[in-house]
């Protein structure tokens, strides 16, 4: 059984994260990016996420095999207690519990930082992602129909959300 560890990502993980992400960009409609980011661009994304949200990697036997991160849900001030989350695994790691391990750690970190709600968008169809999000307590809130064009077809995106704290209480201090 591999030795598994979830830890904070650093810029040094950018090459591994780029390698995991690139096939999603080029071969699937899971992400709407047209071109995979460069390693320096991925390093900037990691550093940016770490400042206000979080970016975690999953290592197995010392190799980065997945990552999860959070960013702003929207830029307007009223949204500052909400965030958008994503998780990506190397294709050989699908169905091994890595996505759950990453998301559980990420959601705990976001809760500690003061966030109140996590949202995720899933290009349809994506049954594996839907099952993962449902298992972690995310609930569907709506589907944008034909919102993105990729690989020669219009794509729907279903949004799910999960409360991280009491959604009825006043928010208190800004997330840190």
N, C-alpha and C. Protein backbone atom coordinates (compact mmCIF):
# COMPACT_ATOMS: atom_id res chain seq x y z
N UNK A 1 0.85 -1.18 0.00
CA UNK A 1 0.00 0.00 0.00
C UNK A 1 0.89 1.24 0.00
N UNK A 2 0.60 2.20 -0.89
CA UNK A 2 1.45 3.39 -0.97
C UNK A 2 1.31 4.27 0.27
N UNK A 3 2.39 4.98 0.58
CA UNK A 3 2.38 5.96 1.67
C UNK A 3 1.79 7.25 1.08
N UNK A 4 0.67 7.69 1.65
CA UNK A 4 -0.08 8.82 1.12
C UNK A 4 -0.01 9.98 2.09
N UNK A 5 0.20 11.19 1.54
CA UNK A 5 0.28 12.40 2.35
C UNK A 5 -0.36 13.55 1.60
N UNK A 6 -1.22 14.30 2.27
CA UNK A 6 -1.76 15.56 1.75
C UNK A 6 -0.99 16.67 2.44
N UNK A 7 -0.48 17.61 1.65
CA UNK A 7 0.30 18.72 2.20
C UNK A 7 0.07 19.98 1.40
N UNK A 8 0.51 21.10 1.96
CA UNK A 8 0.44 22.37 1.24
C UNK A 8 1.33 22.31 0.01
N UNK A 9 0.83 22.83 -1.08
CA UNK A 9 1.62 22.91 -2.31
C UNK A 9 2.57 24.10 -2.22
N UNK A 10 3.67 24.01 -2.95
CA UNK A 10 4.61 25.12 -3.12
C UNK A 10 4.84 25.29 -4.61
N UNK A 11 5.54 26.36 -4.95
CA UNK A 11 5.86 26.59 -6.36
C UNK A 11 6.66 25.42 -6.94
N UNK A 12 7.39 24.70 -6.10
CA UNK A 12 8.16 23.55 -6.58
C UNK A 12 7.27 22.41 -7.07
N UNK A 13 5.98 22.44 -6.73
CA UNK A 13 5.04 21.41 -7.19
C UNK A 13 4.40 21.77 -8.53
N UNK A 14 4.74 22.92 -9.08
CA UNK A 14 4.09 23.39 -10.30
C UNK A 14 4.27 22.42 -11.47
N UNK A 15 5.44 21.86 -11.63
CA UNK A 15 5.67 20.93 -12.76
C UNK A 15 4.76 19.71 -12.64
N UNK A 16 4.66 19.13 -11.46
CA UNK A 16 3.81 17.95 -11.26
C UNK A 16 2.34 18.31 -11.48
N UNK A 17 1.90 19.46 -10.95
CA UNK A 17 0.51 19.87 -11.12
C UNK A 17 0.19 20.14 -12.58
N UNK A 18 1.13 20.74 -13.29
CA UNK A 18 0.95 20.99 -14.73
C UNK A 18 0.81 19.68 -15.48
N UNK A 19 1.62 18.70 -15.13
CA UNK A 19 1.55 17.39 -15.78
C UNK A 19 0.23 16.69 -15.53
N UNK A 20 -0.32 16.83 -14.35
CA UNK A 20 -1.62 16.23 -14.03
C UNK A 20 -2.73 16.94 -14.79
N UNK A 21 -2.66 18.26 -14.84
CA UNK A 21 -3.74 19.08 -15.40
C UNK A 21 -3.78 19.09 -16.93
N UNK A 22 -2.64 19.06 -17.58
CA UNK A 22 -2.59 19.21 -19.04
C UNK A 22 -3.52 18.26 -19.79
N UNK A 23 -3.59 16.97 -19.47
CA UNK A 23 -4.51 16.09 -20.21
C UNK A 23 -5.99 16.47 -20.03
N UNK A 24 -6.33 17.03 -18.87
CA UNK A 24 -7.71 17.49 -18.69
C UNK A 24 -8.02 18.63 -19.66
N UNK A 25 -7.04 19.50 -19.88
CA UNK A 25 -7.22 20.65 -20.78
C UNK A 25 -7.30 20.17 -22.23
N UNK A 26 -6.37 19.33 -22.63
CA UNK A 26 -6.26 18.96 -24.05
C UNK A 26 -7.22 17.86 -24.48
N UNK A 27 -7.57 16.95 -23.55
CA UNK A 27 -8.30 15.75 -23.95
C UNK A 27 -9.72 15.66 -23.44
N UNK A 28 -10.15 16.59 -22.58
CA UNK A 28 -11.49 16.51 -22.00
C UNK A 28 -12.15 17.89 -22.02
N UNK A 29 -13.42 17.89 -21.67
CA UNK A 29 -14.16 19.14 -21.49
C UNK A 29 -14.33 19.45 -20.01
N UNK A 30 -13.61 18.74 -19.14
CA UNK A 30 -13.72 18.96 -17.70
C UNK A 30 -13.36 20.39 -17.33
N UNK A 31 -12.36 20.95 -17.98
CA UNK A 31 -12.01 22.35 -17.79
C UNK A 31 -12.21 23.07 -19.12
N UNK A 32 -12.56 24.32 -19.04
CA UNK A 32 -12.79 25.10 -20.26
C UNK A 32 -11.54 25.85 -20.72
N UNK A 33 -10.41 25.63 -20.08
CA UNK A 33 -9.19 26.23 -20.60
C UNK A 33 -8.88 25.62 -21.96
N UNK A 34 -8.34 26.44 -22.85
CA UNK A 34 -8.01 25.96 -24.19
C UNK A 34 -6.59 25.43 -24.29
N UNK A 35 -5.68 26.01 -23.52
CA UNK A 35 -4.28 25.60 -23.56
C UNK A 35 -3.80 25.34 -22.14
N UNK A 36 -3.03 24.28 -21.94
CA UNK A 36 -2.50 24.02 -20.60
C UNK A 36 -1.59 25.16 -20.15
N UNK A 37 -1.64 25.52 -18.88
CA UNK A 37 -0.75 26.56 -18.39
C UNK A 37 0.70 26.07 -18.39
N UNK A 38 1.61 27.01 -18.48
CA UNK A 38 3.03 26.69 -18.38
C UNK A 38 3.37 26.40 -16.91
N UNK A 39 4.53 25.85 -16.68
CA UNK A 39 4.97 25.60 -15.31
C UNK A 39 5.08 26.92 -14.53
N UNK A 40 5.68 27.99 -15.10
CA UNK A 40 5.70 29.26 -14.34
C UNK A 40 4.30 29.80 -14.03
N UNK A 41 3.36 29.65 -14.98
CA UNK A 41 1.99 30.10 -14.73
C UNK A 41 1.36 29.28 -13.60
N UNK A 42 1.58 27.97 -13.60
CA UNK A 42 1.03 27.12 -12.54
C UNK A 42 1.63 27.52 -11.19
N UNK A 43 2.91 27.85 -11.17
CA UNK A 43 3.55 28.29 -9.92
C UNK A 43 2.88 29.56 -9.40
N UNK A 44 2.56 30.48 -10.30
CA UNK A 44 1.87 31.70 -9.89
C UNK A 44 0.48 31.39 -9.35
N UNK A 45 -0.22 30.43 -9.96
CA UNK A 45 -1.55 30.05 -9.48
C UNK A 45 -1.46 29.45 -8.07
N UNK A 46 -0.48 28.61 -7.86
CA UNK A 46 -0.29 28.01 -6.54
C UNK A 46 -0.03 29.09 -5.50
N UNK A 47 0.89 29.99 -5.79
CA UNK A 47 1.22 31.05 -4.85
C UNK A 47 0.01 31.94 -4.57
N UNK A 48 -0.76 32.25 -5.61
CA UNK A 48 -1.96 33.08 -5.44
C UNK A 48 -3.00 32.41 -4.56
N UNK A 49 -3.24 31.13 -4.79
CA UNK A 49 -4.23 30.40 -3.99
C UNK A 49 -3.80 30.31 -2.53
N UNK A 50 -2.51 30.14 -2.30
CA UNK A 50 -2.02 30.00 -0.92
C UNK A 50 -2.19 31.29 -0.12
N UNK A 51 -2.17 32.43 -0.79
CA UNK A 51 -2.28 33.71 -0.08
C UNK A 51 -3.62 33.86 0.65
N UNK A 52 -4.73 33.52 0.00
CA UNK A 52 -6.06 33.77 0.60
C UNK A 52 -6.90 32.52 0.77
N UNK A 53 -6.59 31.47 0.07
CA UNK A 53 -7.44 30.27 0.12
C UNK A 53 -6.59 29.06 0.51
N UNK A 54 -6.31 28.19 -0.44
CA UNK A 54 -5.44 27.04 -0.18
C UNK A 54 -5.20 26.29 -1.48
N UNK A 55 -4.07 25.61 -1.53
CA UNK A 55 -3.73 24.69 -2.63
C UNK A 55 -2.99 23.53 -1.97
N UNK A 56 -3.52 22.34 -2.10
CA UNK A 56 -2.95 21.15 -1.48
C UNK A 56 -2.57 20.14 -2.55
N UNK A 57 -1.56 19.35 -2.28
CA UNK A 57 -1.19 18.25 -3.18
C UNK A 57 -1.29 16.94 -2.42
N UNK A 58 -1.53 15.88 -3.18
CA UNK A 58 -1.53 14.52 -2.66
C UNK A 58 -0.28 13.83 -3.17
N UNK A 59 0.53 13.36 -2.23
CA UNK A 59 1.73 12.60 -2.57
C UNK A 59 1.49 11.13 -2.25
N UNK A 60 1.95 10.28 -3.14
CA UNK A 60 2.00 8.85 -2.87
C UNK A 60 3.43 8.41 -3.10
N UNK A 61 4.04 7.88 -2.06
CA UNK A 61 5.44 7.46 -2.12
C UNK A 61 6.33 8.58 -2.67
N UNK A 62 6.05 9.82 -2.24
CA UNK A 62 6.87 10.96 -2.61
C UNK A 62 6.56 11.59 -3.95
N UNK A 63 5.60 11.04 -4.70
CA UNK A 63 5.23 11.57 -6.02
C UNK A 63 3.89 12.29 -5.92
N UNK A 64 3.81 13.52 -6.47
CA UNK A 64 2.55 14.26 -6.49
C UNK A 64 1.64 13.60 -7.52
N UNK A 65 0.46 13.14 -7.06
CA UNK A 65 -0.47 12.43 -7.93
C UNK A 65 -1.84 13.11 -8.00
N UNK A 66 -1.98 14.24 -7.32
CA UNK A 66 -3.23 14.98 -7.38
C UNK A 66 -3.10 16.29 -6.63
N UNK A 67 -4.08 17.15 -6.86
CA UNK A 67 -4.11 18.42 -6.15
C UNK A 67 -5.53 18.95 -6.07
N UNK A 68 -5.75 19.79 -5.09
CA UNK A 68 -7.04 20.48 -4.91
C UNK A 68 -6.73 21.90 -4.47
N UNK A 69 -7.58 22.81 -4.89
CA UNK A 69 -7.35 24.21 -4.53
C UNK A 69 -8.66 24.96 -4.44
N UNK A 70 -8.58 26.13 -3.87
CA UNK A 70 -9.74 27.02 -3.77
C UNK A 70 -9.33 28.41 -4.24
N UNK A 71 -10.31 29.13 -4.71
CA UNK A 71 -10.12 30.51 -5.12
C UNK A 71 -11.41 31.27 -4.88
N UNK A 72 -11.43 32.53 -5.23
CA UNK A 72 -12.63 33.34 -5.02
C UNK A 72 -13.82 32.77 -5.80
N UNK A 73 -14.99 32.83 -5.18
CA UNK A 73 -16.22 32.45 -5.88
C UNK A 73 -16.57 33.54 -6.89
N UNK A 74 -16.54 34.76 -6.45
CA UNK A 74 -16.72 35.95 -7.28
C UNK A 74 -15.87 37.05 -6.65
N UNK A 75 -15.60 38.09 -7.40
CA UNK A 75 -14.70 39.14 -6.91
C UNK A 75 -15.38 40.20 -6.05
N UNK A 76 -16.70 40.34 -6.12
CA UNK A 76 -17.37 41.37 -5.34
C UNK A 76 -17.23 41.11 -3.84
N UNK A 77 -17.17 42.17 -3.04
CA UNK A 77 -16.91 42.08 -1.61
C UNK A 77 -17.90 41.18 -0.87
N UNK A 78 -19.15 41.19 -1.26
CA UNK A 78 -20.16 40.41 -0.54
C UNK A 78 -19.91 38.90 -0.64
N UNK A 79 -19.15 38.48 -1.63
CA UNK A 79 -18.86 37.06 -1.84
C UNK A 79 -17.62 36.57 -1.08
N UNK A 80 -16.96 37.44 -0.32
CA UNK A 80 -15.64 37.10 0.22
C UNK A 80 -15.63 35.92 1.18
N UNK A 81 -16.77 35.49 1.71
CA UNK A 81 -16.81 34.32 2.59
C UNK A 81 -17.13 33.03 1.82
N UNK A 82 -17.24 33.13 0.51
CA UNK A 82 -17.51 31.97 -0.35
C UNK A 82 -16.31 31.71 -1.23
N UNK A 83 -16.12 30.47 -1.63
CA UNK A 83 -15.00 30.14 -2.49
C UNK A 83 -15.40 29.04 -3.48
N UNK A 84 -14.62 28.94 -4.53
CA UNK A 84 -14.80 27.89 -5.53
C UNK A 84 -13.67 26.89 -5.37
N UNK A 85 -14.01 25.61 -5.43
CA UNK A 85 -13.03 24.55 -5.22
C UNK A 85 -12.94 23.64 -6.44
N UNK A 86 -11.76 23.04 -6.62
CA UNK A 86 -11.52 22.09 -7.71
C UNK A 86 -10.54 21.04 -7.23
N UNK A 87 -10.63 19.86 -7.84
CA UNK A 87 -9.71 18.77 -7.53
C UNK A 87 -9.35 18.05 -8.83
N UNK A 88 -8.08 17.68 -8.96
CA UNK A 88 -7.59 16.95 -10.14
C UNK A 88 -6.67 15.84 -9.68
N UNK A 89 -6.85 14.66 -10.26
CA UNK A 89 -6.00 13.51 -9.96
C UNK A 89 -5.37 12.99 -11.24
N UNK A 90 -4.18 12.41 -11.10
CA UNK A 90 -3.58 11.70 -12.23
C UNK A 90 -4.54 10.59 -12.64
N UNK A 91 -4.67 10.32 -13.95
CA UNK A 91 -5.65 9.32 -14.40
C UNK A 91 -5.50 7.94 -13.73
N UNK A 92 -4.29 7.57 -13.37
CA UNK A 92 -4.09 6.27 -12.73
C UNK A 92 -4.56 6.26 -11.28
N UNK A 93 -4.97 7.42 -10.74
CA UNK A 93 -5.38 7.49 -9.35
C UNK A 93 -6.89 7.68 -9.18
N UNK A 94 -7.63 7.70 -10.28
CA UNK A 94 -9.09 7.83 -10.15
C UNK A 94 -9.64 6.63 -9.40
N UNK A 95 -10.60 6.90 -8.51
CA UNK A 95 -11.27 5.84 -7.78
C UNK A 95 -10.48 5.25 -6.64
N UNK A 96 -9.41 5.91 -6.22
CA UNK A 96 -8.57 5.38 -5.14
C UNK A 96 -8.76 6.11 -3.81
N UNK A 97 -9.68 7.07 -3.76
CA UNK A 97 -9.89 7.84 -2.54
C UNK A 97 -9.05 9.10 -2.45
N UNK A 98 -8.24 9.34 -3.46
CA UNK A 98 -7.39 10.53 -3.44
C UNK A 98 -8.16 11.83 -3.50
N UNK A 99 -9.21 11.87 -4.32
CA UNK A 99 -10.04 13.07 -4.41
C UNK A 99 -10.69 13.39 -3.08
N UNK A 100 -11.21 12.37 -2.42
CA UNK A 100 -11.83 12.55 -1.11
C UNK A 100 -10.80 13.07 -0.10
N UNK A 101 -9.62 12.46 -0.07
CA UNK A 101 -8.58 12.88 0.88
C UNK A 101 -8.20 14.35 0.66
N UNK A 102 -8.04 14.73 -0.59
CA UNK A 102 -7.69 16.11 -0.90
C UNK A 102 -8.81 17.07 -0.50
N UNK A 103 -10.04 16.75 -0.89
CA UNK A 103 -11.16 17.64 -0.58
C UNK A 103 -11.40 17.74 0.92
N UNK A 104 -11.32 16.64 1.65
CA UNK A 104 -11.54 16.72 3.10
C UNK A 104 -10.52 17.67 3.74
N UNK A 105 -9.28 17.56 3.35
CA UNK A 105 -8.25 18.45 3.89
C UNK A 105 -8.48 19.90 3.44
N UNK A 106 -8.84 20.08 2.18
CA UNK A 106 -9.08 21.43 1.66
C UNK A 106 -10.26 22.08 2.37
N UNK A 107 -11.36 21.38 2.51
CA UNK A 107 -12.55 21.96 3.14
C UNK A 107 -12.29 22.29 4.60
N UNK A 108 -11.52 21.45 5.28
CA UNK A 108 -11.14 21.75 6.67
C UNK A 108 -10.31 23.02 6.73
N UNK A 109 -9.36 23.16 5.82
CA UNK A 109 -8.51 24.35 5.79
C UNK A 109 -9.34 25.61 5.54
N UNK A 110 -10.26 25.53 4.59
CA UNK A 110 -11.08 26.69 4.26
C UNK A 110 -11.98 27.07 5.44
N UNK A 111 -12.50 26.08 6.14
CA UNK A 111 -13.31 26.34 7.33
C UNK A 111 -12.48 27.06 8.38
N UNK A 112 -11.27 26.57 8.62
CA UNK A 112 -10.36 27.20 9.60
C UNK A 112 -10.08 28.65 9.23
N UNK A 113 -10.00 28.93 7.94
CA UNK A 113 -9.67 30.28 7.50
C UNK A 113 -10.87 31.21 7.54
N UNK A 114 -12.06 30.70 7.86
CA UNK A 114 -13.24 31.55 8.01
C UNK A 114 -14.20 31.56 6.85
N UNK A 115 -14.00 30.71 5.85
CA UNK A 115 -14.94 30.65 4.73
C UNK A 115 -16.23 29.98 5.17
N UNK A 116 -17.33 30.36 4.55
CA UNK A 116 -18.66 29.87 4.91
C UNK A 116 -19.26 28.91 3.90
N UNK A 117 -18.85 28.99 2.63
CA UNK A 117 -19.48 28.18 1.59
C UNK A 117 -18.45 27.84 0.53
N UNK A 118 -18.50 26.59 0.07
CA UNK A 118 -17.65 26.14 -1.05
C UNK A 118 -18.56 25.74 -2.19
N UNK A 119 -18.20 26.15 -3.39
CA UNK A 119 -18.97 25.81 -4.59
C UNK A 119 -18.03 25.17 -5.61
N UNK A 120 -18.61 24.32 -6.44
CA UNK A 120 -17.83 23.68 -7.51
C UNK A 120 -18.71 23.57 -8.75
N UNK A 121 -18.09 23.82 -9.90
CA UNK A 121 -18.78 23.66 -11.18
C UNK A 121 -18.27 22.40 -11.86
N UNK A 122 -19.19 21.60 -12.40
CA UNK A 122 -18.82 20.34 -13.06
C UNK A 122 -19.37 20.32 -14.48
N UNK A 123 -18.48 20.27 -15.46
CA UNK A 123 -18.91 20.11 -16.83
C UNK A 123 -19.63 18.77 -16.95
N UNK A 124 -20.73 18.77 -17.68
CA UNK A 124 -21.53 17.55 -17.82
C UNK A 124 -21.26 16.85 -19.15
N UNK A 125 -21.28 15.55 -19.19
CA UNK A 125 -21.49 14.65 -18.04
C UNK A 125 -20.18 14.41 -17.30
N UNK A 126 -20.28 14.15 -16.00
CA UNK A 126 -19.11 13.84 -15.18
C UNK A 126 -19.59 13.12 -13.92
N UNK A 127 -19.98 11.87 -14.09
CA UNK A 127 -20.55 11.09 -12.99
C UNK A 127 -19.58 10.91 -11.83
N UNK A 128 -18.30 10.71 -12.12
CA UNK A 128 -17.33 10.51 -11.05
C UNK A 128 -17.25 11.75 -10.15
N UNK A 129 -17.20 12.92 -10.77
CA UNK A 129 -17.14 14.16 -10.00
C UNK A 129 -18.44 14.37 -9.23
N UNK A 130 -19.57 14.08 -9.85
CA UNK A 130 -20.86 14.23 -9.17
C UNK A 130 -20.92 13.33 -7.94
N UNK A 131 -20.45 12.09 -8.06
CA UNK A 131 -20.45 11.17 -6.92
C UNK A 131 -19.53 11.68 -5.80
N UNK A 132 -18.35 12.15 -6.16
CA UNK A 132 -17.41 12.65 -5.16
C UNK A 132 -18.02 13.83 -4.41
N UNK A 133 -18.55 14.79 -5.13
CA UNK A 133 -19.11 15.98 -4.48
C UNK A 133 -20.30 15.61 -3.60
N UNK A 134 -21.17 14.73 -4.08
CA UNK A 134 -22.32 14.31 -3.28
C UNK A 134 -21.87 13.60 -2.01
N UNK A 135 -20.86 12.76 -2.12
CA UNK A 135 -20.35 12.03 -0.95
C UNK A 135 -19.79 12.96 0.10
N UNK A 136 -19.34 14.13 -0.32
CA UNK A 136 -18.75 15.10 0.60
C UNK A 136 -19.75 16.17 1.04
N UNK A 137 -21.03 15.96 0.73
CA UNK A 137 -22.06 16.85 1.23
C UNK A 137 -22.40 18.03 0.35
N UNK A 138 -21.88 18.07 -0.86
CA UNK A 138 -22.26 19.14 -1.79
C UNK A 138 -23.65 18.84 -2.34
N UNK A 139 -24.45 19.88 -2.50
CA UNK A 139 -25.80 19.72 -3.05
C UNK A 139 -25.92 20.52 -4.34
N UNK A 140 -26.65 19.97 -5.33
CA UNK A 140 -26.83 20.70 -6.59
C UNK A 140 -27.64 21.97 -6.37
N UNK A 141 -27.21 23.03 -7.07
CA UNK A 141 -27.95 24.30 -6.99
C UNK A 141 -28.39 24.80 -8.35
N UNK A 142 -27.91 24.18 -9.42
CA UNK A 142 -28.37 24.58 -10.74
C UNK A 142 -27.41 24.18 -11.84
N UNK A 143 -27.94 24.22 -13.06
CA UNK A 143 -27.14 23.88 -14.24
C UNK A 143 -27.27 25.00 -15.26
N UNK A 144 -26.11 25.47 -15.70
CA UNK A 144 -26.08 26.41 -16.82
C UNK A 144 -26.03 25.57 -18.09
N UNK A 145 -27.00 25.73 -18.95
CA UNK A 145 -27.10 24.95 -20.18
C UNK A 145 -26.27 25.58 -21.29
N UNK A 146 -25.53 24.73 -22.00
CA UNK A 146 -24.77 25.14 -23.19
C UNK A 146 -23.96 26.41 -22.92
N UNK A 147 -23.26 26.44 -21.79
CA UNK A 147 -22.55 27.64 -21.37
C UNK A 147 -21.11 27.70 -21.89
N UNK A 148 -20.56 26.55 -22.29
CA UNK A 148 -19.19 26.54 -22.81
C UNK A 148 -19.06 25.68 -24.04
N UNK A 149 -18.24 26.11 -24.98
CA UNK A 149 -18.00 25.37 -26.22
C UNK A 149 -16.61 24.75 -26.14
N UNK A 150 -16.53 23.43 -26.19
CA UNK A 150 -15.23 22.77 -26.18
C UNK A 150 -15.34 21.45 -26.91
N UNK A 151 -14.29 21.12 -27.65
CA UNK A 151 -14.21 19.87 -28.42
C UNK A 151 -15.44 19.67 -29.31
N UNK A 152 -15.85 20.77 -29.96
CA UNK A 152 -16.90 20.69 -30.97
C UNK A 152 -18.31 20.56 -30.46
N UNK A 153 -18.55 20.87 -29.19
CA UNK A 153 -19.91 20.76 -28.65
C UNK A 153 -20.13 21.78 -27.54
N UNK A 154 -21.40 22.17 -27.40
CA UNK A 154 -21.78 23.01 -26.27
C UNK A 154 -21.83 22.14 -25.03
N UNK A 155 -21.36 22.68 -23.91
CA UNK A 155 -21.27 21.93 -22.65
C UNK A 155 -22.09 22.61 -21.56
N UNK A 156 -22.79 21.78 -20.79
CA UNK A 156 -23.51 22.25 -19.60
C UNK A 156 -22.55 22.20 -18.41
N UNK A 157 -22.79 23.07 -17.43
CA UNK A 157 -22.04 23.04 -16.19
C UNK A 157 -23.04 23.04 -15.03
N UNK A 158 -22.96 22.01 -14.22
CA UNK A 158 -23.78 21.91 -13.02
C UNK A 158 -22.99 22.42 -11.83
N UNK A 159 -23.64 23.25 -11.03
CA UNK A 159 -23.00 23.83 -9.85
C UNK A 159 -23.55 23.15 -8.60
N UNK A 160 -22.63 22.89 -7.68
CA UNK A 160 -22.97 22.31 -6.38
C UNK A 160 -22.34 23.19 -5.30
N UNK A 161 -22.91 23.14 -4.12
CA UNK A 161 -22.32 23.91 -3.02
C UNK A 161 -22.46 23.15 -1.72
N UNK A 162 -21.62 23.54 -0.78
CA UNK A 162 -21.62 22.92 0.55
C UNK A 162 -21.31 23.99 1.58
N UNK A 163 -22.12 24.07 2.63
CA UNK A 163 -21.78 25.02 3.70
C UNK A 163 -20.55 24.52 4.46
N UNK A 164 -19.73 25.45 4.87
CA UNK A 164 -18.55 25.13 5.68
C UNK A 164 -18.78 25.51 7.14
N UNK A 165 -19.66 26.45 7.37
CA UNK A 165 -20.02 26.92 8.71
C UNK A 165 -21.50 27.25 8.69
N UNK A 166 -22.01 27.66 9.81
CA UNK A 166 -23.42 28.05 9.92
C UNK A 166 -23.69 29.19 8.94
N UNK A 167 -24.54 28.91 7.97
CA UNK A 167 -24.82 29.89 6.93
C UNK A 167 -25.81 30.96 7.38
N UNK A 168 -26.41 30.81 8.56
CA UNK A 168 -27.39 31.80 9.01
C UNK A 168 -26.77 32.84 9.94
N UNK A 169 -25.60 32.57 10.49
CA UNK A 169 -24.96 33.51 11.41
C UNK A 169 -24.24 34.61 10.64
N UNK A 170 -24.12 35.77 11.27
CA UNK A 170 -23.34 36.85 10.67
C UNK A 170 -21.90 36.34 10.45
N UNK A 171 -21.25 36.76 9.38
CA UNK A 171 -19.97 36.17 9.03
C UNK A 171 -18.80 36.49 9.93
N UNK A 172 -18.78 37.60 10.60
CA UNK A 172 -17.62 37.93 11.42
C UNK A 172 -16.49 38.47 10.57
N UNK A 173 -15.27 38.25 11.01
CA UNK A 173 -14.09 38.78 10.34
C UNK A 173 -13.93 38.17 8.94
N UNK A 174 -13.24 38.91 8.10
CA UNK A 174 -12.94 38.38 6.76
C UNK A 174 -12.10 37.13 6.87
N UNK A 175 -12.25 36.19 5.93
CA UNK A 175 -11.37 35.01 5.92
C UNK A 175 -9.91 35.44 5.81
N UNK A 176 -9.04 34.67 6.41
CA UNK A 176 -7.62 35.01 6.40
C UNK A 176 -6.84 34.12 5.47
